[in-house]
Amino acid sequence: MRDDGGVRVLNRGFSAKENSWKEAEGKAYFVKGSDQGYLKVSFFGPFYGSYIVFELDHENYQYSLVCGPDKSYLWILAKGLKIKKDIKDIKDTLIAKAAALGLDTNKLIFVDHD
């Protein structure tokens, strides 16, 4: 959490092509209330985009299913490199939920972290 009531957002990924880690830090604010997964997020100054959380691991915060302002953006986010094997059905469940919401899951790109 941020001191101003917002949420610190840190996106990090590894570029195999460049053999380096990249990260972007942003800030997010709840649009309606902190009990709803609807936030506005900014990584670039005064410009904000929607960040709608459809599913979240409330127990361990290991994964989430998020879409942008429309159905053209979809992310399955995981805290670690892979969603833990003991919950291997989670990935399929998240994909099924996204499809049921009308999101095009055929365009999902899964990064190989090996």
PDB file of N, CA and C in Angstrom:
ATOM      1  N   MET A   1       0.838  -1.180   0.000  1.00  0.00           N
ATOM      2  CA  MET A   1       0.000   0.000   0.000  1.00  0.00           C
ATOM      3  C   MET A   1       0.888   1.251   0.000  1.00  0.00           C
ATOM      4  N   ARG A   2       0.373   2.282  -0.615  1.00  0.00           N
ATOM      5  CA  ARG A   2       1.076   3.570  -0.641  1.00  0.00           C
ATOM      6  C   ARG A   2       0.534   4.468   0.474  1.00  0.00           C
ATOM      7  N   ASP A   3       1.311   5.441   0.870  1.00  0.00           N
ATOM      8  CA  ASP A   3       0.892   6.373   1.916  1.00  0.00           C
ATOM      9  C   ASP A   3      -0.331   7.198   1.515  1.00  0.00           C
ATOM     10  N   ASP A   4      -0.534   7.384   0.204  1.00  0.00           N
ATOM     11  CA  ASP A   4      -1.656   8.196  -0.266  1.00  0.00           C
ATOM     12  C   ASP A   4      -2.943   7.396  -0.477  1.00  0.00           C
ATOM     13  N   GLY A   5      -2.966   6.141   0.011  1.00  0.00           N
ATOM     14  CA  GLY A   5      -4.160   5.308  -0.120  1.00  0.00           C
ATOM     15  C   GLY A   5      -4.170   4.449  -1.370  1.00  0.00           C
ATOM     16  N   GLY A   6      -3.188   4.622  -2.213  1.00  0.00           N
ATOM     17  CA  GLY A   6      -3.090   3.814  -3.429  1.00  0.00           C
ATOM     18  C   GLY A   6      -2.329   2.520  -3.193  1.00  0.00           C
ATOM     19  N   VAL A   7      -2.081   1.834  -4.271  1.00  0.00           N
ATOM     20  CA  VAL A   7      -1.376   0.553  -4.236  1.00  0.00           C
ATOM     21  C   VAL A   7      -0.134   0.666  -5.116  1.00  0.00           C
ATOM     22  N   ARG A   8       0.992   0.233  -4.613  1.00  0.00           N
ATOM     23  CA  ARG A   8       2.229   0.177  -5.418  1.00  0.00           C
ATOM     24  C   ARG A   8       2.130  -1.013  -6.356  1.00  0.00           C
ATOM     25  N   VAL A   9       2.408  -0.790  -7.624  1.00  0.00           N
ATOM     26  CA  VAL A   9       2.351  -1.852  -8.629  1.00  0.00           C
ATOM     27  C   VAL A   9       3.751  -2.038  -9.196  1.00  0.00           C
ATOM     28  N   LEU A  10       4.227  -3.270  -9.189  1.00  0.00           N
ATOM     29  CA  LEU A  10       5.539  -3.562  -9.746  1.00  0.00           C
ATOM     30  C   LEU A  10       5.395  -4.708 -10.731  1.00  0.00           C
ATOM     31  N   ASN A  11       5.611  -4.417 -11.999  1.00  0.00           N
ATOM     32  CA  ASN A  11       5.596  -5.438 -13.043  1.00  0.00           C
ATOM     33  C   ASN A  11       7.038  -5.743 -13.415  1.00  0.00           C
ATOM     34  N   ARG A  12       7.380  -7.019 -13.417  1.00  0.00           N
ATOM     35  CA  ARG A  12       8.746  -7.422 -13.702  1.00  0.00           C
ATOM     36  C   ARG A  12       8.722  -8.609 -14.654  1.00  0.00           C
ATOM     37  N   GLY A  13       9.637  -8.602 -15.601  1.00  0.00           N
ATOM     38  CA  GLY A  13       9.735  -9.714 -16.538  1.00  0.00           C
ATOM     39  C   GLY A  13      11.150  -9.851 -17.065  1.00  0.00           C
ATOM     40  N   PHE A  14      11.454 -11.022 -17.547  1.00  0.00           N
ATOM     41  CA  PHE A  14      12.786 -11.314 -18.066  1.00  0.00           C
ATOM     42  C   PHE A  14      12.728 -11.370 -19.581  1.00  0.00           C
ATOM     43  N   SER A  15      13.605 -10.644 -20.238  1.00  0.00           N
ATOM     44  CA  SER A  15      13.722 -10.670 -21.684  1.00  0.00           C
ATOM     45  C   SER A  15      14.838 -11.637 -22.057  1.00  0.00           C
ATOM     46  N   ALA A  16      14.457 -12.798 -22.595  1.00  0.00           N
ATOM     47  CA  ALA A  16      15.467 -13.774 -23.009  1.00  0.00           C
ATOM     48  C   ALA A  16      16.295 -13.223 -24.167  1.00  0.00           C
ATOM     49  N   LYS A  17      15.649 -12.455 -25.022  1.00  0.00           N
ATOM     50  CA  LYS A  17      16.336 -11.880 -26.177  1.00  0.00           C
ATOM     51  C   LYS A  17      17.468 -10.953 -25.727  1.00  0.00           C
ATOM     52  N   GLU A  18      17.203 -10.140 -24.707  1.00  0.00           N
ATOM     53  CA  GLU A  18      18.206  -9.198 -24.211  1.00  0.00           C
ATOM     54  C   GLU A  18      18.963  -9.732 -23.003  1.00  0.00           C
ATOM     55  N   ASN A  19      18.561 -10.919 -22.510  1.00  0.00           N
ATOM     56  CA  ASN A  19      19.175 -11.546 -21.352  1.00  0.00           C
ATOM     57  C   ASN A  19      19.227 -10.594 -20.146  1.00  0.00           C
ATOM     58  N   SER A  20      18.078  -9.944 -19.914  1.00  0.00           N
ATOM     59  CA  SER A  20      18.031  -9.002 -18.796  1.00  0.00           C
ATOM     60  C   SER A  20      16.610  -8.886 -18.242  1.00  0.00           C
ATOM     61  N   TRP A  21      16.544  -8.469 -16.982  1.00  0.00           N
ATOM     62  CA  TRP A  21      15.271  -8.217 -16.327  1.00  0.00           C
ATOM     63  C   TRP A  21      14.831  -6.797 -16.636  1.00  0.00           C
ATOM     64  N   LYS A  22      13.534  -6.616 -16.789  1.00  0.00           N
ATOM     65  CA  LYS A  22      12.958  -5.282 -16.959  1.00  0.00           C
ATOM     66  C   LYS A  22      11.835  -5.152 -15.950  1.00  0.00           C
ATOM     67  N   GLU A  23      11.662  -3.944 -15.463  1.00  0.00           N
ATOM     68  CA  GLU A  23      10.561  -3.729 -14.540  1.00  0.00           C
ATOM     69  C   GLU A  23      10.012  -2.326 -14.702  1.00  0.00           C
ATOM     70  N   ALA A  24       8.758  -2.203 -14.346  1.00  0.00           N
ATOM     71  CA  ALA A  24       8.082  -0.916 -14.370  1.00  0.00           C
ATOM     72  C   ALA A  24       7.304  -0.782 -13.073  1.00  0.00           C
ATOM     73  N   GLU A  25       7.492   0.347 -12.414  1.00  0.00           N
ATOM     74  CA  GLU A  25       6.759   0.594 -11.182  1.00  0.00           C
ATOM     75  C   GLU A  25       5.675   1.622 -11.459  1.00  0.00           C
ATOM     76  N   GLY A  26       4.504   1.343 -10.959  1.00  0.00           N
ATOM     77  CA  GLY A  26       3.389   2.244 -11.147  1.00  0.00           C
ATOM     78  C   GLY A  26       2.607   2.410  -9.874  1.00  0.00           C
ATOM     79  N   LYS A  27       1.502   3.097  -9.997  1.00  0.00           N
ATOM     80  CA  LYS A  27       0.620   3.309  -8.855  1.00  0.00           C
ATOM     81  C   LYS A  27      -0.808   3.051  -9.298  1.00  0.00           C
ATOM     82  N   ALA A  28      -1.602   2.561  -8.366  1.00  0.00           N
ATOM     83  CA  ALA A  28      -2.995   2.249  -8.659  1.00  0.00           C
ATOM     84  C   ALA A  28      -3.880   2.810  -7.554  1.00  0.00           C
ATOM     85  N   TYR A  29      -5.093   3.161  -7.943  1.00  0.00           N
ATOM     86  CA  TYR A  29      -6.070   3.669  -6.988  1.00  0.00           C
ATOM     87  C   TYR A  29      -7.402   2.968  -7.221  1.00  0.00           C
ATOM     88  N   PHE A  30      -8.088   2.644  -6.161  1.00  0.00           N
ATOM     89  CA  PHE A  30      -9.381   2.005  -6.270  1.00  0.00           C
ATOM     90  C   PHE A  30     -10.387   2.994  -6.856  1.00  0.00           C
ATOM     91  N   VAL A  31     -11.168   2.528  -7.826  1.00  0.00           N
ATOM     92  CA  VAL A  31     -12.137   3.388  -8.488  1.00  0.00           C
ATOM     93  C   VAL A  31     -13.403   3.524  -7.641  1.00  0.00           C
ATOM     94  N   LYS A  32     -13.887   2.412  -7.104  1.00  0.00           N
ATOM     95  CA  LYS A  32     -15.140   2.444  -6.342  1.00  0.00           C
ATOM     96  C   LYS A  32     -14.938   2.212  -4.850  1.00  0.00           C
ATOM     97  N   GLY A  33     -14.041   1.349  -4.482  1.00  0.00           N
ATOM     98  CA  GLY A  33     -13.784   1.057  -3.083  1.00  0.00           C
ATOM     99  C   GLY A  33     -12.739  -0.021  -2.967  1.00  0.00           C
ATOM    100  N   SER A  34     -12.071  -0.084  -1.827  1.00  0.00           N
ATOM    101  CA  SER A  34     -10.982  -1.041  -1.656  1.00  0.00           C
ATOM    102  C   SER A  34     -11.458  -2.480  -1.565  1.00  0.00           C
ATOM    103  N   ASP A  35     -12.766  -2.697  -1.521  1.00  0.00           N
ATOM    104  CA  ASP A  35     -13.306  -4.050  -1.486  1.00  0.00           C
ATOM    105  C   ASP A  35     -13.678  -4.558  -2.876  1.00  0.00           C
ATOM    106  N   GLN A  36     -13.379  -3.759  -3.918  1.00  0.00           N
ATOM    107  CA  GLN A  36     -13.664  -4.147  -5.297  1.00  0.00           C
ATOM    108  C   GLN A  36     -12.381  -4.117  -6.118  1.00  0.00           C
ATOM    109  N   GLY A  37     -12.198  -5.107  -6.954  1.00  0.00           N
ATOM    110  CA  GLY A  37     -10.999  -5.214  -7.781  1.00  0.00           C
ATOM    111  C   GLY A  37     -11.076  -4.375  -9.038  1.00  0.00           C
ATOM    112  N   TYR A  38     -11.440  -3.124  -8.890  1.00  0.00           N
ATOM    113  CA  TYR A  38     -11.517  -2.214 -10.025  1.00  0.00           C
ATOM    114  C   TYR A  38     -10.635  -1.020  -9.708  1.00  0.00           C
ATOM    115  N   LEU A  39      -9.501  -0.953 -10.412  1.00  0.00           N
ATOM    116  CA  LEU A  39      -8.520   0.085 -10.131  1.00  0.00           C
ATOM    117  C   LEU A  39      -8.163   0.858 -11.384  1.00  0.00           C
ATOM    118  N   LYS A  40      -7.632   2.039 -11.179  1.00  0.00           N
ATOM    119  CA  LYS A  40      -7.013   2.778 -12.275  1.00  0.00           C
ATOM    120  C   LYS A  40      -5.517   2.752 -11.985  1.00  0.00           C
ATOM    121  N   VAL A  41      -4.729   2.423 -13.016  1.00  0.00           N
ATOM    122  CA  VAL A  41      -3.296   2.206 -12.843  1.00  0.00           C
ATOM    123  C   VAL A  41      -2.524   3.131 -13.772  1.00  0.00           C
ATOM    124  N   SER A  42      -1.431   3.663 -13.258  1.00  0.00           N
ATOM    125  CA  SER A  42      -0.580   4.520 -14.073  1.00  0.00           C
ATOM    126  C   SER A  42       0.870   4.086 -13.951  1.00  0.00           C
ATOM    127  N   PHE A  43       1.518   3.961 -15.092  1.00  0.00           N
ATOM    128  CA  PHE A  43       2.959   3.730 -15.141  1.00  0.00           C
ATOM    129  C   PHE A  43       3.664   4.939 -15.759  1.00  0.00           C
ATOM    130  N   PHE A  44       2.881   5.824 -16.364  1.00  0.00           N
ATOM    131  CA  PHE A  44       3.440   6.941 -17.113  1.00  0.00           C
ATOM    132  C   PHE A  44       2.736   8.248 -16.745  1.00  0.00           C
ATOM    133  N   GLY A  45       3.130   8.830 -15.637  1.00  0.00           N
ATOM    134  CA  GLY A  45       2.625  10.143 -15.255  1.00  0.00           C
ATOM    135  C   GLY A  45       1.125  10.216 -15.041  1.00  0.00           C
ATOM    136  N   PRO A  46       0.482  11.181 -15.681  1.00  0.00           N
ATOM    137  CA  PRO A  46      -0.938  11.402 -15.397  1.00  0.00           C
ATOM    138  C   PRO A  46      -1.881  10.487 -16.176  1.00  0.00           C
ATOM    139  N   PHE A  47      -1.362   9.551 -16.930  1.00  0.00           N
ATOM    140  CA  PHE A  47      -2.200   8.689 -17.761  1.00  0.00           C
ATOM    141  C   PHE A  47      -2.554   7.407 -17.019  1.00  0.00           C
ATOM    142  N   TYR A  48      -3.846   7.103 -16.935  1.00  0.00           N
ATOM    143  CA  TYR A  48      -4.319   5.937 -16.194  1.00  0.00           C
ATOM    144  C   TYR A  48      -5.076   4.999 -17.117  1.00  0.00           C
ATOM    145  N   GLY A  49      -4.999   3.715 -16.804  1.00  0.00           N
ATOM    146  CA  GLY A  49      -5.757   2.700 -17.517  1.00  0.00           C
ATOM    147  C   GLY A  49      -6.482   1.821 -16.511  1.00  0.00           C
ATOM    148  N   SER A  50      -7.540   1.201 -16.971  1.00  0.00           N
ATOM    149  CA  SER A  50      -8.319   0.321 -16.092  1.00  0.00           C
ATOM    150  C   SER A  50      -7.584  -0.980 -15.824  1.00  0.00           C
ATOM    151  N   TYR A  51      -7.809  -1.497 -14.651  1.00  0.00           N
ATOM    152  CA  TYR A  51      -7.202  -2.744 -14.195  1.00  0.00           C
ATOM    153  C   TYR A  51      -8.299  -3.439 -13.408  1.00  0.00           C
ATOM    154  N   ILE A  52      -8.942  -4.412 -14.035  1.00  0.00           N
ATOM    155  CA  ILE A  52     -10.097  -5.061 -13.430  1.00  0.00           C
ATOM    156  C   ILE A  52      -9.727  -6.480 -13.038  1.00  0.00           C
ATOM    157  N   VAL A  53      -9.786  -6.769 -11.750  1.00  0.00           N
ATOM    158  CA  VAL A  53      -9.403  -8.071 -11.213  1.00  0.00           C
ATOM    159  C   VAL A  53     -10.650  -8.945 -11.137  1.00  0.00           C
ATOM    160  N   PHE A  54     -10.646 -10.037 -11.903  1.00  0.00           N
ATOM    161  CA  PHE A  54     -11.775 -10.964 -11.916  1.00  0.00           C
ATOM    162  C   PHE A  54     -11.589 -12.127 -10.960  1.00  0.00           C
ATOM    163  N   GLU A  55     -10.339 -12.464 -10.708  1.00  0.00           N
ATOM    164  CA  GLU A  55     -10.042 -13.598  -9.827  1.00  0.00           C
ATOM    165  C   GLU A  55      -8.741 -13.297  -9.113  1.00  0.00           C
ATOM    166  N   LEU A  56      -8.689 -13.696  -7.850  1.00  0.00           N
ATOM    167  CA  LEU A  56      -7.513 -13.427  -7.032  1.00  0.00           C
ATOM    168  C   LEU A  56      -7.359 -14.526  -5.996  1.00  0.00           C
ATOM    169  N   ASP A  57      -6.139 -14.951  -5.790  1.00  0.00           N
ATOM    170  CA  ASP A  57      -5.828 -15.897  -4.720  1.00  0.00           C
ATOM    171  C   ASP A  57      -5.821 -15.113  -3.409  1.00  0.00           C
ATOM    172  N   HIS A  58      -6.959 -15.061  -2.735  1.00  0.00           N
ATOM    173  CA  HIS A  58      -7.095 -14.284  -1.505  1.00  0.00           C
ATOM    174  C   HIS A  58      -6.266 -14.852  -0.356  1.00  0.00           C
ATOM    175  N   GLU A  59      -5.945 -16.124  -0.434  1.00  0.00           N
ATOM    176  CA  GLU A  59      -5.234 -16.772   0.667  1.00  0.00           C
ATOM    177  C   GLU A  59      -3.734 -16.474   0.649  1.00  0.00           C
ATOM    178  N   ASN A  60      -3.100 -16.673  -0.513  1.00  0.00           N
ATOM    179  CA  ASN A  60      -1.647 -16.550  -0.605  1.00  0.00           C
ATOM    180  C   ASN A  60      -1.165 -15.482  -1.592  1.00  0.00           C
ATOM    181  N   TYR A  61      -2.093 -14.870  -2.318  1.00  0.00           N
ATOM    182  CA  TYR A  61      -1.763 -13.861  -3.326  1.00  0.00           C
ATOM    183  C   TYR A  61      -0.724 -14.361  -4.326  1.00  0.00           C
ATOM    184  N   GLN A  62      -0.932 -15.580  -4.833  1.00  0.00           N
ATOM    185  CA  GLN A  62      -0.002 -16.179  -5.785  1.00  0.00           C
ATOM    186  C   GLN A  62      -0.405 -15.949  -7.243  1.00  0.00           C
ATOM    187  N   TYR A  63      -1.663 -15.636  -7.520  1.00  0.00           N
ATOM    188  CA  TYR A  63      -2.117 -15.461  -8.898  1.00  0.00           C
ATOM    189  C   TYR A  63      -3.323 -14.529  -8.944  1.00  0.00           C
ATOM    190  N   SER A  64      -3.562 -14.007 -10.157  1.00  0.00           N
ATOM    191  CA  SER A  64      -4.767 -13.211 -10.397  1.00  0.00           C
ATOM    192  C   SER A  64      -5.108 -13.260 -11.877  1.00  0.00           C
ATOM    193  N   LEU A  65      -6.358 -12.970 -12.164  1.00  0.00           N
ATOM    194  CA  LEU A  65      -6.864 -12.864 -13.532  1.00  0.00           C
ATOM    195  C   LEU A  65      -7.320 -11.428 -13.694  1.00  0.00           C
ATOM    196  N   VAL A  66      -6.721 -10.711 -14.656  1.00  0.00           N
ATOM    197  CA  VAL A  66      -6.942  -9.279 -14.789  1.00  0.00           C
ATOM    198  C   VAL A  66      -7.204  -8.924 -16.246  1.00  0.00           C
ATOM    199  N   CYS A  67      -8.111  -7.972 -16.456  1.00  0.00           N
ATOM    200  CA  CYS A  67      -8.281  -7.453 -17.817  1.00  0.00           C
ATOM    201  C   CYS A  67      -8.200  -5.942 -17.774  1.00  0.00           C
ATOM    202  N   GLY A  68      -8.043  -5.351 -18.938  1.00  0.00           N
ATOM    203  CA  GLY A  68      -7.936  -3.905 -19.061  1.00  0.00           C
ATOM    204  C   GLY A  68      -9.300  -3.265 -19.238  1.00  0.00           C
ATOM    205  N   PRO A  69      -9.329  -2.084 -19.845  1.00  0.00           N
ATOM    206  CA  PRO A  69     -10.576  -1.329 -19.961  1.00  0.00           C
ATOM    207  C   PRO A  69     -11.606  -1.967 -20.894  1.00  0.00           C
ATOM    208  N   ASP A  70     -11.146  -2.824 -21.745  1.00  0.00           N
ATOM    209  CA  ASP A  70     -12.072  -3.558 -22.617  1.00  0.00           C
ATOM    210  C   ASP A  70     -11.587  -4.999 -22.713  1.00  0.00           C
ATOM    211  N   LYS A  71     -12.178  -5.763 -23.550  1.00  0.00           N
ATOM    212  CA  LYS A  71     -11.844  -7.186 -23.605  1.00  0.00           C
ATOM    213  C   LYS A  71     -10.630  -7.492 -24.479  1.00  0.00           C
ATOM    214  N   SER A  72      -9.866  -6.470 -24.855  1.00  0.00           N
ATOM    215  CA  SER A  72      -8.696  -6.714 -25.702  1.00  0.00           C
ATOM    216  C   SER A  72      -7.422  -6.938 -24.888  1.00  0.00           C
ATOM    217  N   TYR A  73      -7.476  -6.729 -23.577  1.00  0.00           N
ATOM    218  CA  TYR A  73      -6.321  -6.962 -22.706  1.00  0.00           C
ATOM    219  C   TYR A  73      -6.686  -7.988 -21.655  1.00  0.00           C
ATOM    220  N   LEU A  74      -5.821  -8.975 -21.488  1.00  0.00           N
ATOM    221  CA  LEU A  74      -6.052 -10.034 -20.505  1.00  0.00           C
ATOM    222  C   LEU A  74      -4.705 -10.531 -20.000  1.00  0.00           C
ATOM    223  N   TRP A  75      -4.602 -10.651 -18.670  1.00  0.00           N
ATOM    224  CA  TRP A  75      -3.379 -11.168 -18.079  1.00  0.00           C
ATOM    225  C   TRP A  75      -3.717 -12.210 -17.022  1.00  0.00           C
ATOM    226  N   ILE A  76      -2.946 -13.275 -17.008  1.00  0.00           N
ATOM    227  CA  ILE A  76      -2.925 -14.183 -15.869  1.00  0.00           C
ATOM    228  C   ILE A  76      -1.586 -13.893 -15.208  1.00  0.00           C
ATOM    229  N   LEU A  77      -1.660 -13.337 -14.016  1.00  0.00           N
ATOM    230  CA  LEU A  77      -0.448 -12.920 -13.323  1.00  0.00           C
ATOM    231  C   LEU A  77      -0.123 -13.900 -12.209  1.00  0.00           C
ATOM    232  N   ALA A  78       1.135 -14.223 -12.061  1.00  0.00           N
ATOM    233  CA  ALA A  78       1.569 -15.127 -11.002  1.00  0.00           C
ATOM    234  C   ALA A  78       2.722 -14.474 -10.253  1.00  0.00           C
ATOM    235  N   LYS A  79       2.753 -14.680  -8.970  1.00  0.00           N
ATOM    236  CA  LYS A  79       3.794 -14.084  -8.139  1.00  0.00           C
ATOM    237  C   LYS A  79       5.148 -14.742  -8.395  1.00  0.00           C
ATOM    238  N   GLY A  80       5.150 -16.040  -8.615  1.00  0.00           N
ATOM    239  CA  GLY A  80       6.382 -16.762  -8.904  1.00  0.00           C
ATOM    240  C   GLY A  80       6.511 -17.000 -10.395  1.00  0.00           C
ATOM    241  N   LEU A  81       7.512 -17.772 -10.762  1.00  0.00           N
ATOM    242  CA  LEU A  81       7.709 -18.065 -12.182  1.00  0.00           C
ATOM    243  C   LEU A  81       6.597 -18.934 -12.756  1.00  0.00           C
ATOM    244  N   LYS A  82       6.025 -19.766 -11.915  1.00  0.00           N
ATOM    245  CA  LYS A  82       4.948 -20.654 -12.360  1.00  0.00           C
ATOM    246  C   LYS A  82       3.900 -20.730 -11.272  1.00  0.00           C
ATOM    247  N   ILE A  83       2.675 -20.984 -11.688  1.00  0.00           N
ATOM    248  CA  ILE A  83       1.641 -21.246 -10.694  1.00  0.00           C
ATOM    249  C   ILE A  83       1.975 -22.599 -10.085  1.00  0.00           C
ATOM    250  N   LYS A  84       2.000 -22.659  -8.776  1.00  0.00           N
ATOM    251  CA  LYS A  84       2.438 -23.870  -8.078  1.00  0.00           C
ATOM    252  C   LYS A  84       1.741 -25.125  -8.586  1.00  0.00           C
ATOM    253  N   LYS A  85       2.504 -26.207  -8.675  1.00  0.00           N
ATOM    254  CA  LYS A  85       1.990 -27.461  -9.194  1.00  0.00           C
ATOM    255  C   LYS A  85       0.868 -28.045  -8.344  1.00  0.00           C
ATOM    256  N   ASP A  86       0.848 -27.745  -7.044  1.00  0.00           N
ATOM    257  CA  ASP A  86      -0.211 -28.289  -6.202  1.00  0.00           C
ATOM    258  C   ASP A  86      -1.565 -27.665  -6.506  1.00  0.00           C
ATOM    259  N   ILE A  87      -1.564 -26.591  -7.282  1.00  0.00           N
ATOM    260  CA  ILE A  87      -2.816 -26.003  -7.740  1.00  0.00           C
ATOM    261  C   ILE A  87      -2.812 -25.933  -9.269  1.00  0.00           C
ATOM    262  N   LYS A  88      -2.360 -27.016  -9.904  1.00  0.00           N
ATOM    263  CA  LYS A  88      -2.180 -27.027 -11.358  1.00  0.00           C
ATOM    264  C   LYS A  88      -3.472 -26.764 -12.113  1.00  0.00           C
ATOM    265  N   ASP A  89      -4.615 -27.024 -11.502  1.00  0.00           N
ATOM    266  CA  ASP A  89      -5.879 -26.772 -12.177  1.00  0.00           C
ATOM    267  C   ASP A  89      -6.205 -25.284 -12.243  1.00  0.00           C
ATOM    268  N   ILE A  90      -5.516 -24.464 -11.487  1.00  0.00           N
ATOM    269  CA  ILE A  90      -5.801 -23.036 -11.434  1.00  0.00           C
ATOM    270  C   ILE A  90      -5.678 -22.391 -12.809  1.00  0.00           C
ATOM    271  N   LYS A  91      -4.616 -22.690 -13.535  1.00  0.00           N
ATOM    272  CA  LYS A  91      -4.420 -22.080 -14.852  1.00  0.00           C
ATOM    273  C   LYS A  91      -5.605 -22.388 -15.757  1.00  0.00           C
ATOM    274  N   ASP A  92      -6.029 -23.640 -15.811  1.00  0.00           N
ATOM    275  CA  ASP A  92      -7.169 -24.018 -16.640  1.00  0.00           C
ATOM    276  C   ASP A  92      -8.450 -23.348 -16.158  1.00  0.00           C
ATOM    277  N   THR A  93      -8.614 -23.238 -14.839  1.00  0.00           N
ATOM    278  CA  THR A  93      -9.794 -22.591 -14.267  1.00  0.00           C
ATOM    279  C   THR A  93      -9.824 -21.112 -14.644  1.00  0.00           C
ATOM    280  N   LEU A  94      -8.668 -20.445 -14.567  1.00  0.00           N
ATOM    281  CA  LEU A  94      -8.600 -19.030 -14.917  1.00  0.00           C
ATOM    282  C   LEU A  94      -8.882 -18.810 -16.398  1.00  0.00           C
ATOM    283  N   ILE A  95      -8.361 -19.670 -17.245  1.00  0.00           N
ATOM    284  CA  ILE A  95      -8.617 -19.563 -18.681  1.00  0.00           C
ATOM    285  C   ILE A  95     -10.104 -19.775 -18.964  1.00  0.00           C
ATOM    286  N   ALA A  96     -10.706 -20.757 -18.325  1.00  0.00           N
ATOM    287  CA  ALA A  96     -12.137 -21.026 -18.519  1.00  0.00           C
ATOM    288  C   ALA A  96     -12.975 -19.838 -18.047  1.00  0.00           C
ATOM    289  N   LYS A  97     -12.615 -19.235 -16.930  1.00  0.00           N
ATOM    290  CA  LYS A  97     -13.356 -18.081 -16.416  1.00  0.00           C
ATOM    291  C   LYS A  97     -13.253 -16.913 -17.386  1.00  0.00           C
ATOM    292  N   ALA A  98     -12.055 -16.670 -17.908  1.00  0.00           N
ATOM    293  CA  ALA A  98     -11.858 -15.585 -18.869  1.00  0.00           C
ATOM    294  C   ALA A  98     -12.698 -15.815 -20.122  1.00  0.00           C
ATOM    295  N   ALA A  99     -12.711 -17.047 -20.615  1.00  0.00           N
ATOM    296  CA  ALA A  99     -13.508 -17.367 -21.798  1.00  0.00           C
ATOM    297  C   ALA A  99     -14.994 -17.154 -21.524  1.00  0.00           C
ATOM    298  N   ALA A 100     -15.451 -17.546 -20.343  1.00  0.00           N
ATOM    299  CA  ALA A 100     -16.859 -17.366 -19.975  1.00  0.00           C
ATOM    300  C   ALA A 100     -17.234 -15.886 -19.891  1.00  0.00           C
ATOM    301  N   LEU A 101     -16.265 -15.038 -19.601  1.00  0.00           N
ATOM    302  CA  LEU A 101     -16.499 -13.591 -19.537  1.00  0.00           C
ATOM    303  C   LEU A 101     -16.435 -12.932 -20.915  1.00  0.00           C
ATOM    304  N   GLY A 102     -16.156 -13.744 -21.949  1.00  0.00           N
ATOM    305  CA  GLY A 102     -16.113 -13.230 -23.308  1.00  0.00           C
ATOM    306  C   GLY A 102     -14.751 -12.746 -23.765  1.00  0.00           C
ATOM    307  N   LEU A 103     -13.713 -13.066 -23.017  1.00  0.00           N
ATOM    308  CA  LEU A 103     -12.357 -12.675 -23.406  1.00  0.00           C
ATOM    309  C   LEU A 103     -11.758 -13.724 -24.341  1.00  0.00           C
ATOM    310  N   ASP A 104     -10.981 -13.280 -25.314  1.00  0.00           N
ATOM    311  CA  ASP A 104     -10.382 -14.186 -26.292  1.00  0.00           C
ATOM    312  C   ASP A 104      -9.133 -14.839 -25.700  1.00  0.00           C
ATOM    313  N   THR A 105      -9.296 -16.025 -25.170  1.00  0.00           N
ATOM    314  CA  THR A 105      -8.181 -16.727 -24.530  1.00  0.00           C
ATOM    315  C   THR A 105      -7.224 -17.354 -25.539  1.00  0.00           C
ATOM    316  N   ASN A 106      -7.601 -17.386 -26.803  1.00  0.00           N
ATOM    317  CA  ASN A 106      -6.710 -17.937 -27.833  1.00  0.00           C
ATOM    318  C   ASN A 106      -5.494 -17.047 -28.068  1.00  0.00           C
ATOM    319  N   LYS A 107      -5.575 -15.805 -27.642  1.00  0.00           N
ATOM    320  CA  LYS A 107      -4.461 -14.880 -27.844  1.00  0.00           C
ATOM    321  C   LYS A 107      -3.510 -14.829 -26.652  1.00  0.00           C
ATOM    322  N   LEU A 108      -3.789 -15.608 -25.617  1.00  0.00           N
ATOM    323  CA  LEU A 108      -2.892 -15.639 -24.459  1.00  0.00           C
ATOM    324  C   LEU A 108      -1.526 -16.172 -24.871  1.00  0.00           C
ATOM    325  N   ILE A 109      -0.495 -15.551 -24.358  1.00  0.00           N
ATOM    326  CA  ILE A 109       0.880 -15.981 -24.605  1.00  0.00           C
ATOM    327  C   ILE A 109       1.454 -16.413 -23.266  1.00  0.00           C
ATOM    328  N   PHE A 110       1.911 -17.647 -23.184  1.00  0.00           N
ATOM    329  CA  PHE A 110       2.494 -18.150 -21.953  1.00  0.00           C
ATOM    330  C   PHE A 110       4.006 -18.162 -22.093  1.00  0.00           C
ATOM    331  N   VAL A 111       4.659 -17.485 -21.184  1.00  0.00           N
ATOM    332  CA  VAL A 111       6.111 -17.345 -21.214  1.00  0.00           C
ATOM    333  C   VAL A 111       6.754 -18.582 -20.613  1.00  0.00           C
ATOM    334  N   ASP A 112       7.751 -19.100 -21.289  1.00  0.00           N
ATOM    335  CA  ASP A 112       8.516 -20.235 -20.784  1.00  0.00           C
ATOM    336  C   ASP A 112       9.635 -19.696 -19.894  1.00  0.00           C
ATOM    337  N   HIS A 113       9.614 -20.061 -18.631  1.00  0.00           N
ATOM    338  CA  HIS A 113      10.603 -19.545 -17.689  1.00  0.00           C
ATOM    339  C   HIS A 113      11.748 -20.523 -17.428  1.00  0.00           C
ATOM    340  N   ASP A 114      11.819 -21.580 -18.196  1.00  0.00           N
ATOM    341  CA  ASP A 114      12.887 -22.563 -17.991  1.00  0.00           C
ATOM    342  C   ASP A 114      14.198 -22.077 -18.569  1.00  0.00           C
TER     343      ASP A 114
END
